[in-house]
Amino acid sequence: MPHGPESQSWLLEEFIARLASVFETMAGERPAIERPAGSDTPPDGLAWQQPFAGAPGAVWLNATDGDVAAIGGYILAAAGLGDADGETVKSTYLETLSQALAGLAQALSGQWGREVTPRDGREWTGAGTNRGDAATASVVWSRAEIQLPERVAALHIGFEQALLDALADRNRLEIAREPPAPEGLAAPANLPAPGGAITSRTFDLLLDVELPVSVSFGRAQVQLKDVLKLTTGSIVELNRSITEPVEVIVNNCVIARGEVVVVEGNFGVRIQQVISRQERLRTLH
């Protein structure tokens, strides 16, 4: 559990890791994302405020129009849609953030042992999002630089103090109440409601993206001296018996369990159980 100043660092590392995974899933490549030292006041641009059900405070994400176009355009170009209009580019950028924020919520669920989910995210439509603005006065900002082929896109990531405080002291965590919408905020219709079906046209285009699926027969911990002794014919005993189901893993998350079958000379898995959302969260940590 992070404490004090470590809260911001932990949140930032988790979000960046989830964002990189989203890029890898949607574009087929995992770009380098660097964290320049120190804090950085975000410029005017497109800002997104994301509160969570089950946690206080919110995460803010801010990027200039040029960086929004670079990120959204990069994802679309990887899908063969390089000539998309500006609204589609923006929608793709917001969906990329939405998936990364959902991953951050999973990380928070693992920390607190309770379900945390994104809810009621809002786009900032006011004049600015600097530290002097009333809506962002309690936000602690950091900067991430995404190394894209054509340019380095900057994404400013802010964490409200309430979220940082809750991470610093688990005993002071209070379930966030439904906050009133700050003046100047509006929820765009092109993002899915938390827990609801994703119906945007951009996501429909991404449904053809291929994801790696792997099957885990079991695991074992072996001392280095024993690893060095392995030769042809050596046997490594796993932690799963032959009667237990194998695990089906997608994007490093166990989604189902089943039995091994043979299909036309190839191994396959017959799904016996699709695991619950809560259990999926536990498999990530």
C-alpha atoms as a PDB file:
ATOM      1  CA  MET A   1       0.000   0.000   0.000  1.00  0.00           C
ATOM      2  CA  PRO A   2       1.490   3.373  -0.991  1.00  0.00           C
ATOM      3  CA  HIS A   3       1.916   6.077   1.658  1.00  0.00           C
ATOM      4  CA  GLY A   4       2.313   9.862   1.504  1.00  0.00           C
ATOM      5  CA  PRO A   5       4.211  11.064  -1.570  1.00  0.00           C
ATOM      6  CA  GLU A   6       4.406   7.484  -2.784  1.00  0.00           C
ATOM      7  CA  SER A   7       0.681   7.628  -3.600  1.00  0.00           C
ATOM      8  CA  GLN A   8       1.178   9.898  -6.601  1.00  0.00           C
ATOM      9  CA  SER A   9       4.087   7.844  -7.886  1.00  0.00           C
ATOM     10  CA  TRP A  10       2.154   4.588  -7.542  1.00  0.00           C
ATOM     11  CA  LEU A  11      -0.925   5.961  -9.302  1.00  0.00           C
ATOM     12  CA  LEU A  12       1.182   7.408 -12.090  1.00  0.00           C
ATOM     13  CA  GLU A  13       3.123   4.191 -12.655  1.00  0.00           C
ATOM     14  CA  GLU A  14      -0.060   2.120 -12.692  1.00  0.00           C
ATOM     15  CA  PHE A  15      -1.818   4.449 -15.126  1.00  0.00           C
ATOM     16  CA  ILE A  16       1.152   4.626 -17.499  1.00  0.00           C
ATOM     17  CA  ALA A  17       1.486   0.827 -17.478  1.00  0.00           C
ATOM     18  CA  ARG A  18      -2.217   0.438 -18.285  1.00  0.00           C
ATOM     19  CA  LEU A  19      -2.022   3.107 -20.978  1.00  0.00           C
ATOM     20  CA  ALA A  20       0.914   1.342 -22.630  1.00  0.00           C
ATOM     21  CA  SER A  21      -1.064  -1.926 -22.598  1.00  0.00           C
ATOM     22  CA  VAL A  22      -4.027  -0.193 -24.257  1.00  0.00           C
ATOM     23  CA  PHE A  23      -1.735   1.129 -27.002  1.00  0.00           C
ATOM     24  CA  GLU A  24      -0.367  -2.386 -27.506  1.00  0.00           C
ATOM     25  CA  THR A  25      -3.854  -3.874 -27.728  1.00  0.00           C
ATOM     26  CA  MET A  26      -5.331  -1.231 -30.026  1.00  0.00           C
ATOM     27  CA  ALA A  27      -2.319  -0.415 -32.219  1.00  0.00           C
ATOM     28  CA  GLY A  28      -0.226  -3.588 -32.009  1.00  0.00           C
ATOM     29  CA  GLU A  29       2.782  -1.749 -30.554  1.00  0.00           C
ATOM     30  CA  ARG A  30       3.736  -0.668 -27.061  1.00  0.00           C
ATOM     31  CA  PRO A  31       5.263   2.822 -27.257  1.00  0.00           C
ATOM     32  CA  ALA A  32       7.808   4.054 -24.739  1.00  0.00           C
ATOM     33  CA  ILE A  33       6.203   6.412 -22.218  1.00  0.00           C
ATOM     34  CA  GLU A  34       8.596   8.573 -20.221  1.00  0.00           C
ATOM     35  CA  ARG A  35       8.028  10.572 -17.043  1.00  0.00           C
ATOM     36  CA  PRO A  36      10.024  13.811 -16.913  1.00  0.00           C
ATOM     37  CA  ALA A  37      11.068  14.746 -13.390  1.00  0.00           C
ATOM     38  CA  GLY A  38       9.050  17.316 -11.457  1.00  0.00           C
ATOM     39  CA  SER A  39       5.507  18.605 -11.835  1.00  0.00           C
ATOM     40  CA  ASP A  40       4.154  20.418 -14.846  1.00  0.00           C
ATOM     41  CA  THR A  41       1.179  22.770 -15.182  1.00  0.00           C
ATOM     42  CA  PRO A  42      -1.079  21.524 -17.996  1.00  0.00           C
ATOM     43  CA  PRO A  43      -1.663  23.793 -20.996  1.00  0.00           C
ATOM     44  CA  ASP A  44      -5.054  24.766 -22.373  1.00  0.00           C
ATOM     45  CA  GLY A  45      -6.558  21.892 -24.274  1.00  0.00           C
ATOM     46  CA  LEU A  46      -8.917  18.957 -23.939  1.00  0.00           C
ATOM     47  CA  ALA A  47      -9.262  17.946 -20.284  1.00  0.00           C
ATOM     48  CA  TRP A  48     -11.069  14.923 -18.864  1.00  0.00           C
ATOM     49  CA  GLN A  49     -12.109  14.482 -15.221  1.00  0.00           C
ATOM     50  CA  GLN A  50     -12.668  10.865 -14.153  1.00  0.00           C
ATOM     51  CA  PRO A  51     -14.180  10.103 -10.717  1.00  0.00           C
ATOM     52  CA  PHE A  52     -14.642   6.545  -9.458  1.00  0.00           C
ATOM     53  CA  ALA A  53     -17.372   4.587  -7.753  1.00  0.00           C
ATOM     54  CA  GLY A  54     -15.846   3.152  -4.584  1.00  0.00           C
ATOM     55  CA  ALA A  55     -13.058   5.735  -4.192  1.00  0.00           C
ATOM     56  CA  PRO A  56     -12.917   9.463  -3.399  1.00  0.00           C
ATOM     57  CA  GLY A  57     -11.402  12.083  -5.660  1.00  0.00           C
ATOM     58  CA  ALA A  58     -10.769  11.872  -9.375  1.00  0.00           C
ATOM     59  CA  VAL A  59      -8.102  11.622 -12.052  1.00  0.00           C
ATOM     60  CA  TRP A  60      -7.638  14.462 -14.558  1.00  0.00           C
ATOM     61  CA  LEU A  61      -6.140  14.008 -18.020  1.00  0.00           C
ATOM     62  CA  ASN A  62      -5.174  16.962 -20.203  1.00  0.00           C
ATOM     63  CA  ALA A  63      -3.656  17.254 -23.685  1.00  0.00           C
ATOM     64  CA  THR A  64      -3.375  19.925 -26.331  1.00  0.00           C
ATOM     65  CA  ASP A  65      -5.442  19.610 -29.484  1.00  0.00           C
ATOM     66  CA  GLY A  66      -2.300  18.618 -31.381  1.00  0.00           C
ATOM     67  CA  ASP A  67      -1.465  15.820 -28.956  1.00  0.00           C
ATOM     68  CA  VAL A  68      -5.081  14.610 -28.970  1.00  0.00           C
ATOM     69  CA  ALA A  69      -4.880  14.379 -32.767  1.00  0.00           C
ATOM     70  CA  ALA A  70      -1.508  12.621 -32.605  1.00  0.00           C
ATOM     71  CA  ILE A  71      -2.676   9.954 -30.141  1.00  0.00           C
ATOM     72  CA  GLY A  72      -6.082   9.323 -31.710  1.00  0.00           C
ATOM     73  CA  GLY A  73      -4.638   9.431 -35.209  1.00  0.00           C
ATOM     74  CA  TYR A  74      -1.910   6.941 -34.309  1.00  0.00           C
ATOM     75  CA  ILE A  75      -4.467   4.402 -33.058  1.00  0.00           C
ATOM     76  CA  LEU A  76      -6.671   4.837 -36.113  1.00  0.00           C
ATOM     77  CA  ALA A  77      -3.751   4.647 -38.536  1.00  0.00           C
ATOM     78  CA  ALA A  78      -2.725   1.327 -36.986  1.00  0.00           C
ATOM     79  CA  ALA A  79      -6.251   0.079 -37.750  1.00  0.00           C
ATOM     80  CA  GLY A  80      -5.961   1.272 -41.351  1.00  0.00           C
ATOM     81  CA  LEU A  81      -8.132   4.366 -40.832  1.00  0.00           C
ATOM     82  CA  GLY A  82      -5.636   7.138 -41.382  1.00  0.00           C
ATOM     83  CA  ASP A  83      -8.144   9.455 -43.090  1.00  0.00           C
ATOM     84  CA  ALA A  84     -10.618   9.658 -40.189  1.00  0.00           C
ATOM     85  CA  ASP A  85     -12.340  12.953 -39.414  1.00  0.00           C
ATOM     86  CA  GLY A  86     -11.546  15.072 -36.361  1.00  0.00           C
ATOM     87  CA  GLU A  87     -14.500  13.861 -34.298  1.00  0.00           C
ATOM     88  CA  THR A  88     -13.516  10.225 -34.808  1.00  0.00           C
ATOM     89  CA  VAL A  89      -9.917  11.028 -33.843  1.00  0.00           C
ATOM     90  CA  LYS A  90     -11.103  12.710 -30.645  1.00  0.00           C
ATOM     91  CA  SER A  91     -13.455   9.820 -29.848  1.00  0.00           C
ATOM     92  CA  THR A  92     -10.607   7.338 -30.303  1.00  0.00           C
ATOM     93  CA  TYR A  93      -8.360   9.387 -28.007  1.00  0.00           C
ATOM     94  CA  LEU A  94     -11.055   9.436 -25.310  1.00  0.00           C
ATOM     95  CA  GLU A  95     -11.685   5.702 -25.649  1.00  0.00           C
ATOM     96  CA  THR A  96      -7.950   5.063 -25.231  1.00  0.00           C
ATOM     97  CA  LEU A  97      -8.002   7.044 -21.979  1.00  0.00           C
ATOM     98  CA  SER A  98     -11.230   5.335 -20.899  1.00  0.00           C
ATOM     99  CA  GLN A  99      -9.684   1.871 -21.163  1.00  0.00           C
ATOM    100  CA  ALA A 100      -6.522   2.966 -19.339  1.00  0.00           C
ATOM    101  CA  LEU A 101      -8.628   4.481 -16.556  1.00  0.00           C
ATOM    102  CA  ALA A 102     -10.599   1.236 -16.282  1.00  0.00           C
ATOM    103  CA  GLY A 103      -7.277  -0.549 -15.797  1.00  0.00           C
ATOM    104  CA  LEU A 104      -6.307   1.946 -13.087  1.00  0.00           C
ATOM    105  CA  ALA A 105      -9.632   1.237 -11.365  1.00  0.00           C
ATOM    106  CA  GLN A 106      -8.723  -2.471 -11.383  1.00  0.00           C
ATOM    107  CA  ALA A 107      -5.409  -1.642  -9.717  1.00  0.00           C
ATOM    108  CA  LEU A 108      -7.229   0.374  -7.049  1.00  0.00           C
ATOM    109  CA  SER A 109      -9.607  -2.555  -6.528  1.00  0.00           C
ATOM    110  CA  GLY A 110      -6.616  -4.784  -5.853  1.00  0.00           C
ATOM    111  CA  GLN A 111      -5.176  -2.314  -3.360  1.00  0.00           C
ATOM    112  CA  TRP A 112      -8.371  -1.845  -1.361  1.00  0.00           C
ATOM    113  CA  GLY A 113      -9.913  -5.298  -1.756  1.00  0.00           C
ATOM    114  CA  ARG A 114     -13.166  -3.824  -3.034  1.00  0.00           C
ATOM    115  CA  GLU A 115     -14.542  -3.011  -6.461  1.00  0.00           C
ATOM    116  CA  VAL A 116     -13.602   0.388  -7.858  1.00  0.00           C
ATOM    117  CA  THR A 117     -15.029   1.400 -11.242  1.00  0.00           C
ATOM    118  CA  PRO A 118     -14.926   4.576 -13.366  1.00  0.00           C
ATOM    119  CA  ARG A 119     -18.155   6.580 -13.393  1.00  0.00           C
ATOM    120  CA  ASP A 120     -19.579   9.770 -14.882  1.00  0.00           C
ATOM    121  CA  GLY A 121     -16.428  11.097 -16.522  1.00  0.00           C
ATOM    122  CA  ARG A 122     -16.678  14.663 -17.778  1.00  0.00           C
ATOM    123  CA  GLU A 123     -15.000  16.762 -20.418  1.00  0.00           C
ATOM    124  CA  TRP A 124     -13.856  20.203 -19.331  1.00  0.00           C
ATOM    125  CA  THR A 125     -15.225  22.925 -21.556  1.00  0.00           C
ATOM    126  CA  GLY A 126     -14.115  25.986 -19.586  1.00  0.00           C
ATOM    127  CA  ALA A 127     -11.405  28.506 -20.317  1.00  0.00           C
ATOM    128  CA  GLY A 128      -8.492  26.608 -18.791  1.00  0.00           C
ATOM    129  CA  THR A 129      -7.283  23.876 -16.467  1.00  0.00           C
ATOM    130  CA  ASN A 130      -4.343  25.457 -14.662  1.00  0.00           C
ATOM    131  CA  ARG A 131      -3.671  25.330 -10.928  1.00  0.00           C
ATOM    132  CA  GLY A 132      -5.523  28.572 -10.321  1.00  0.00           C
ATOM    133  CA  ASP A 133      -8.809  27.202 -11.615  1.00  0.00           C
ATOM    134  CA  ALA A 134     -11.289  26.392  -8.837  1.00  0.00           C
ATOM    135  CA  ALA A 135     -12.083  22.981 -10.308  1.00  0.00           C
ATOM    136  CA  THR A 136      -8.454  21.851 -10.324  1.00  0.00           C
ATOM    137  CA  ALA A 137      -7.061  23.645  -7.283  1.00  0.00           C
ATOM    138  CA  SER A 138      -6.579  20.354  -5.404  1.00  0.00           C
ATOM    139  CA  VAL A 139      -5.040  18.476  -8.331  1.00  0.00           C
ATOM    140  CA  VAL A 140      -1.387  17.352  -8.252  1.00  0.00           C
ATOM    141  CA  TRP A 141      -0.080  17.207 -11.822  1.00  0.00           C
ATOM    142  CA  SER A 142       2.522  15.086 -13.586  1.00  0.00           C
ATOM    143  CA  ARG A 143       3.523  14.803 -17.231  1.00  0.00           C
ATOM    144  CA  ALA A 144       3.956  11.738 -19.423  1.00  0.00           C
ATOM    145  CA  GLU A 145       5.598  11.805 -22.850  1.00  0.00           C
ATOM    146  CA  ILE A 146       4.413   9.184 -25.347  1.00  0.00           C
ATOM    147  CA  GLN A 147       7.016   8.352 -27.980  1.00  0.00           C
ATOM    148  CA  LEU A 148       4.966   8.104 -31.178  1.00  0.00           C
ATOM    149  CA  PRO A 149       6.554   7.606 -34.630  1.00  0.00           C
ATOM    150  CA  GLU A 150       5.738  11.121 -35.840  1.00  0.00           C
ATOM    151  CA  ARG A 151       6.055  13.129 -32.614  1.00  0.00           C
ATOM    152  CA  VAL A 152       6.296  13.011 -28.840  1.00  0.00           C
ATOM    153  CA  ALA A 153       2.773  13.479 -27.456  1.00  0.00           C
ATOM    154  CA  ALA A 154       2.477  14.990 -23.987  1.00  0.00           C
ATOM    155  CA  LEU A 155      -0.275  13.863 -21.626  1.00  0.00           C
ATOM    156  CA  HIS A 156      -0.729  15.711 -18.331  1.00  0.00           C
ATOM    157  CA  ILE A 157      -2.059  13.483 -15.543  1.00  0.00           C
ATOM    158  CA  GLY A 158      -3.524  14.967 -12.374  1.00  0.00           C
ATOM    159  CA  PHE A 159      -4.697  13.295  -9.173  1.00  0.00           C
ATOM    160  CA  GLU A 160      -7.098  15.032  -6.816  1.00  0.00           C
ATOM    161  CA  GLN A 161      -5.845  15.295  -3.252  1.00  0.00           C
ATOM    162  CA  ALA A 162      -8.762  13.234  -1.912  1.00  0.00           C
ATOM    163  CA  LEU A 163      -7.616  10.235  -3.943  1.00  0.00           C
ATOM    164  CA  LEU A 164      -4.000  10.678  -2.851  1.00  0.00           C
ATOM    165  CA  ASP A 165      -5.059  10.960   0.799  1.00  0.00           C
ATOM    166  CA  ALA A 166      -7.176   7.805   0.564  1.00  0.00           C
ATOM    167  CA  LEU A 167      -4.230   5.846  -0.787  1.00  0.00           C
ATOM    168  CA  ALA A 168      -1.936   7.244   1.897  1.00  0.00           C
ATOM    169  CA  ASP A 169      -4.263   6.122   4.668  1.00  0.00           C
ATOM    170  CA  ARG A 170      -6.498   3.179   3.934  1.00  0.00           C
ATOM    171  CA  ASN A 171      -8.370   3.651   7.196  1.00  0.00           C
ATOM    172  CA  ARG A 172      -9.597   7.073   6.093  1.00  0.00           C
ATOM    173  CA  LEU A 173     -11.148   5.817   2.864  1.00  0.00           C
ATOM    174  CA  GLU A 174     -14.767   6.898   2.507  1.00  0.00           C
ATOM    175  CA  ILE A 175     -17.057   5.925  -0.295  1.00  0.00           C
ATOM    176  CA  ALA A 176     -17.324   8.896  -2.614  1.00  0.00           C
ATOM    177  CA  ARG A 177     -20.749  10.451  -2.807  1.00  0.00           C
ATOM    178  CA  GLU A 178     -22.195  11.571  -6.068  1.00  0.00           C
ATOM    179  CA  PRO A 179     -20.652  15.028  -6.616  1.00  0.00           C
ATOM    180  CA  PRO A 180     -22.554  17.783  -8.398  1.00  0.00           C
ATOM    181  CA  ALA A 181     -21.292  18.509 -11.884  1.00  0.00           C
ATOM    182  CA  PRO A 182     -18.852  21.461 -11.703  1.00  0.00           C
ATOM    183  CA  GLU A 183     -19.897  24.409 -13.813  1.00  0.00           C
ATOM    184  CA  GLY A 184     -18.420  24.162 -17.284  1.00  0.00           C
ATOM    185  CA  LEU A 185     -18.340  20.367 -17.365  1.00  0.00           C
ATOM    186  CA  ALA A 186     -20.319  18.203 -19.734  1.00  0.00           C
ATOM    187  CA  ALA A 187     -20.300  14.453 -20.381  1.00  0.00           C
ATOM    188  CA  PRO A 188     -19.830  13.588 -24.064  1.00  0.00           C
ATOM    189  CA  ALA A 189     -22.232  11.049 -25.461  1.00  0.00           C
ATOM    190  CA  ASN A 190     -19.550   9.075 -27.301  1.00  0.00           C
ATOM    191  CA  LEU A 191     -18.090   7.438 -24.187  1.00  0.00           C
ATOM    192  CA  PRO A 192     -19.701   4.326 -22.700  1.00  0.00           C
ATOM    193  CA  ALA A 193     -21.392   4.462 -19.342  1.00  0.00           C
ATOM    194  CA  PRO A 194     -19.420   2.579 -16.671  1.00  0.00           C
ATOM    195  CA  GLY A 195     -20.271  -1.092 -16.868  1.00  0.00           C
ATOM    196  CA  GLY A 196     -22.432  -0.567 -19.951  1.00  0.00           C
ATOM    197  CA  ALA A 197     -22.010  -1.763 -23.500  1.00  0.00           C
ATOM    198  CA  ILE A 198     -19.590   0.082 -25.737  1.00  0.00           C
ATOM    199  CA  THR A 199     -21.456   1.172 -28.834  1.00  0.00           C
ATOM    200  CA  SER A 200     -19.302   3.882 -30.410  1.00  0.00           C
ATOM    201  CA  ARG A 201     -18.416   3.517 -34.069  1.00  0.00           C
ATOM    202  CA  THR A 202     -14.708   3.662 -33.265  1.00  0.00           C
ATOM    203  CA  PHE A 203     -14.961   0.698 -30.906  1.00  0.00           C
ATOM    204  CA  ASP A 204     -16.915  -1.212 -33.562  1.00  0.00           C
ATOM    205  CA  LEU A 205     -13.943  -0.750 -35.870  1.00  0.00           C
ATOM    206  CA  LEU A 206     -11.584  -2.077 -33.208  1.00  0.00           C
ATOM    207  CA  LEU A 207     -13.565  -5.271 -32.660  1.00  0.00           C
ATOM    208  CA  ASP A 208     -11.495  -6.907 -35.410  1.00  0.00           C
ATOM    209  CA  VAL A 209      -8.240  -6.292 -33.503  1.00  0.00           C
ATOM    210  CA  GLU A 210      -6.623  -9.621 -32.615  1.00  0.00           C
ATOM    211  CA  LEU A 211      -5.688 -10.319 -28.985  1.00  0.00           C
ATOM    212  CA  PRO A 212      -3.193 -12.936 -27.812  1.00  0.00           C
ATOM    213  CA  VAL A 213      -4.859 -15.817 -25.960  1.00  0.00           C
ATOM    214  CA  SER A 214      -2.717 -18.178 -23.898  1.00  0.00           C
ATOM    215  CA  VAL A 215      -3.414 -21.189 -21.709  1.00  0.00           C
ATOM    216  CA  SER A 216      -1.683 -21.805 -18.391  1.00  0.00           C
ATOM    217  CA  PHE A 217      -1.290 -25.427 -17.287  1.00  0.00           C
ATOM    218  CA  GLY A 218       0.316 -24.350 -14.011  1.00  0.00           C
ATOM    219  CA  ARG A 219       3.328 -22.682 -12.470  1.00  0.00           C
ATOM    220  CA  ALA A 220       6.335 -23.667 -10.420  1.00  0.00           C
ATOM    221  CA  GLN A 221       9.048 -21.914  -8.437  1.00  0.00           C
ATOM    222  CA  VAL A 222      12.453 -23.468  -8.947  1.00  0.00           C
ATOM    223  CA  GLN A 223      15.744 -22.473  -7.353  1.00  0.00           C
ATOM    224  CA  LEU A 224      18.382 -21.185  -9.718  1.00  0.00           C
ATOM    225  CA  LYS A 225      20.706 -24.089  -8.942  1.00  0.00           C
ATOM    226  CA  ASP A 226      17.970 -26.504 -10.015  1.00  0.00           C
ATOM    227  CA  VAL A 227      17.258 -24.525 -13.202  1.00  0.00           C
ATOM    228  CA  LEU A 228      20.911 -24.868 -14.168  1.00  0.00           C
ATOM    229  CA  LYS A 229      20.602 -28.636 -13.803  1.00  0.00           C
ATOM    230  CA  LEU A 230      17.741 -28.923 -16.311  1.00  0.00           C
ATOM    231  CA  THR A 231      18.536 -31.126 -19.305  1.00  0.00           C
ATOM    232  CA  THR A 232      16.598 -32.895 -22.029  1.00  0.00           C
ATOM    233  CA  GLY A 233      14.187 -35.237 -20.290  1.00  0.00           C
ATOM    234  CA  SER A 234      14.018 -33.293 -17.017  1.00  0.00           C
ATOM    235  CA  ILE A 235      10.568 -32.931 -15.477  1.00  0.00           C
ATOM    236  CA  VAL A 236       9.312 -29.772 -13.779  1.00  0.00           C
ATOM    237  CA  GLU A 237       6.354 -30.401 -11.481  1.00  0.00           C
ATOM    238  CA  LEU A 238       3.625 -27.734 -11.707  1.00  0.00           C
ATOM    239  CA  ASN A 239       1.257 -26.572  -8.991  1.00  0.00           C
ATOM    240  CA  ARG A 240      -1.865 -27.942 -10.727  1.00  0.00           C
ATOM    241  CA  SER A 241      -3.063 -31.542 -10.787  1.00  0.00           C
ATOM    242  CA  ILE A 242      -4.275 -33.266 -13.957  1.00  0.00           C
ATOM    243  CA  THR A 243      -7.878 -33.063 -12.699  1.00  0.00           C
ATOM    244  CA  GLU A 244      -7.844 -29.279 -12.281  1.00  0.00           C
ATOM    245  CA  PRO A 245      -8.942 -27.005 -15.171  1.00  0.00           C
ATOM    246  CA  VAL A 246      -6.410 -24.925 -17.075  1.00  0.00           C
ATOM    247  CA  GLU A 247      -6.575 -21.118 -17.171  1.00  0.00           C
ATOM    248  CA  VAL A 248      -7.395 -19.091 -20.294  1.00  0.00           C
ATOM    249  CA  ILE A 249      -5.502 -15.787 -20.241  1.00  0.00           C
ATOM    250  CA  VAL A 250      -6.159 -12.688 -22.366  1.00  0.00           C
ATOM    251  CA  ASN A 251      -4.000  -9.566 -21.981  1.00  0.00           C
ATOM    252  CA  ASN A 252      -2.421 -10.939 -18.767  1.00  0.00           C
ATOM    253  CA  CYS A 253      -5.840 -11.469 -17.160  1.00  0.00           C
ATOM    254  CA  VAL A 254      -7.425 -14.865 -16.442  1.00  0.00           C
ATOM    255  CA  ILE A 255     -10.890 -14.778 -18.024  1.00  0.00           C
ATOM    256  CA  ALA A 256     -11.963 -18.430 -17.993  1.00  0.00           C
ATOM    257  CA  ARG A 257     -11.074 -22.002 -17.020  1.00  0.00           C
ATOM    258  CA  GLY A 258     -11.568 -25.186 -18.957  1.00  0.00           C
ATOM    259  CA  GLU A 259     -10.377 -28.649 -19.935  1.00  0.00           C
ATOM    260  CA  VAL A 260      -7.818 -29.537 -22.584  1.00  0.00           C
ATOM    261  CA  VAL A 261      -9.231 -31.220 -25.679  1.00  0.00           C
ATOM    262  CA  VAL A 262      -7.844 -32.275 -29.066  1.00  0.00           C
ATOM    263  CA  VAL A 263      -9.372 -30.683 -32.177  1.00  0.00           C
ATOM    264  CA  GLU A 264      -8.240 -32.131 -35.500  1.00  0.00           C
ATOM    265  CA  GLY A 265      -4.799 -32.917 -34.162  1.00  0.00           C
ATOM    266  CA  ASN A 266      -4.376 -29.611 -32.308  1.00  0.00           C
ATOM    267  CA  PHE A 267      -4.751 -28.869 -28.625  1.00  0.00           C
ATOM    268  CA  GLY A 268      -7.770 -26.797 -27.615  1.00  0.00           C
ATOM    269  CA  VAL A 269      -9.624 -25.774 -24.472  1.00  0.00           C
ATOM    270  CA  ARG A 270     -13.298 -26.427 -23.778  1.00  0.00           C
ATOM    271  CA  ILE A 271     -14.523 -23.545 -21.596  1.00  0.00           C
ATOM    272  CA  GLN A 272     -16.084 -24.792 -18.381  1.00  0.00           C
ATOM    273  CA  GLN A 273     -16.212 -21.574 -16.370  1.00  0.00           C
ATOM    274  CA  VAL A 274     -16.119 -17.859 -17.223  1.00  0.00           C
ATOM    275  CA  ILE A 275     -14.846 -16.271 -14.039  1.00  0.00           C
ATOM    276  CA  SER A 276     -16.494 -13.324 -12.309  1.00  0.00           C
ATOM    277  CA  ARG A 277     -15.316  -9.740 -12.578  1.00  0.00           C
ATOM    278  CA  GLN A 278     -14.168  -9.745  -8.960  1.00  0.00           C
ATOM    279  CA  GLU A 279     -12.055 -12.857  -9.498  1.00  0.00           C
ATOM    280  CA  ARG A 280     -10.547 -11.333 -12.644  1.00  0.00           C
ATOM    281  CA  LEU A 281      -9.381  -8.399 -10.543  1.00  0.00           C
ATOM    282  CA  ARG A 282      -7.565 -10.773  -8.203  1.00  0.00           C
ATOM    283  CA  THR A 283      -5.718 -12.443 -11.077  1.00  0.00           C
ATOM    284  CA  LEU A 284      -4.111  -9.107 -11.990  1.00  0.00           C
ATOM    285  CA  HIS A 285      -2.198  -8.823  -8.682  1.00  0.00           C
END
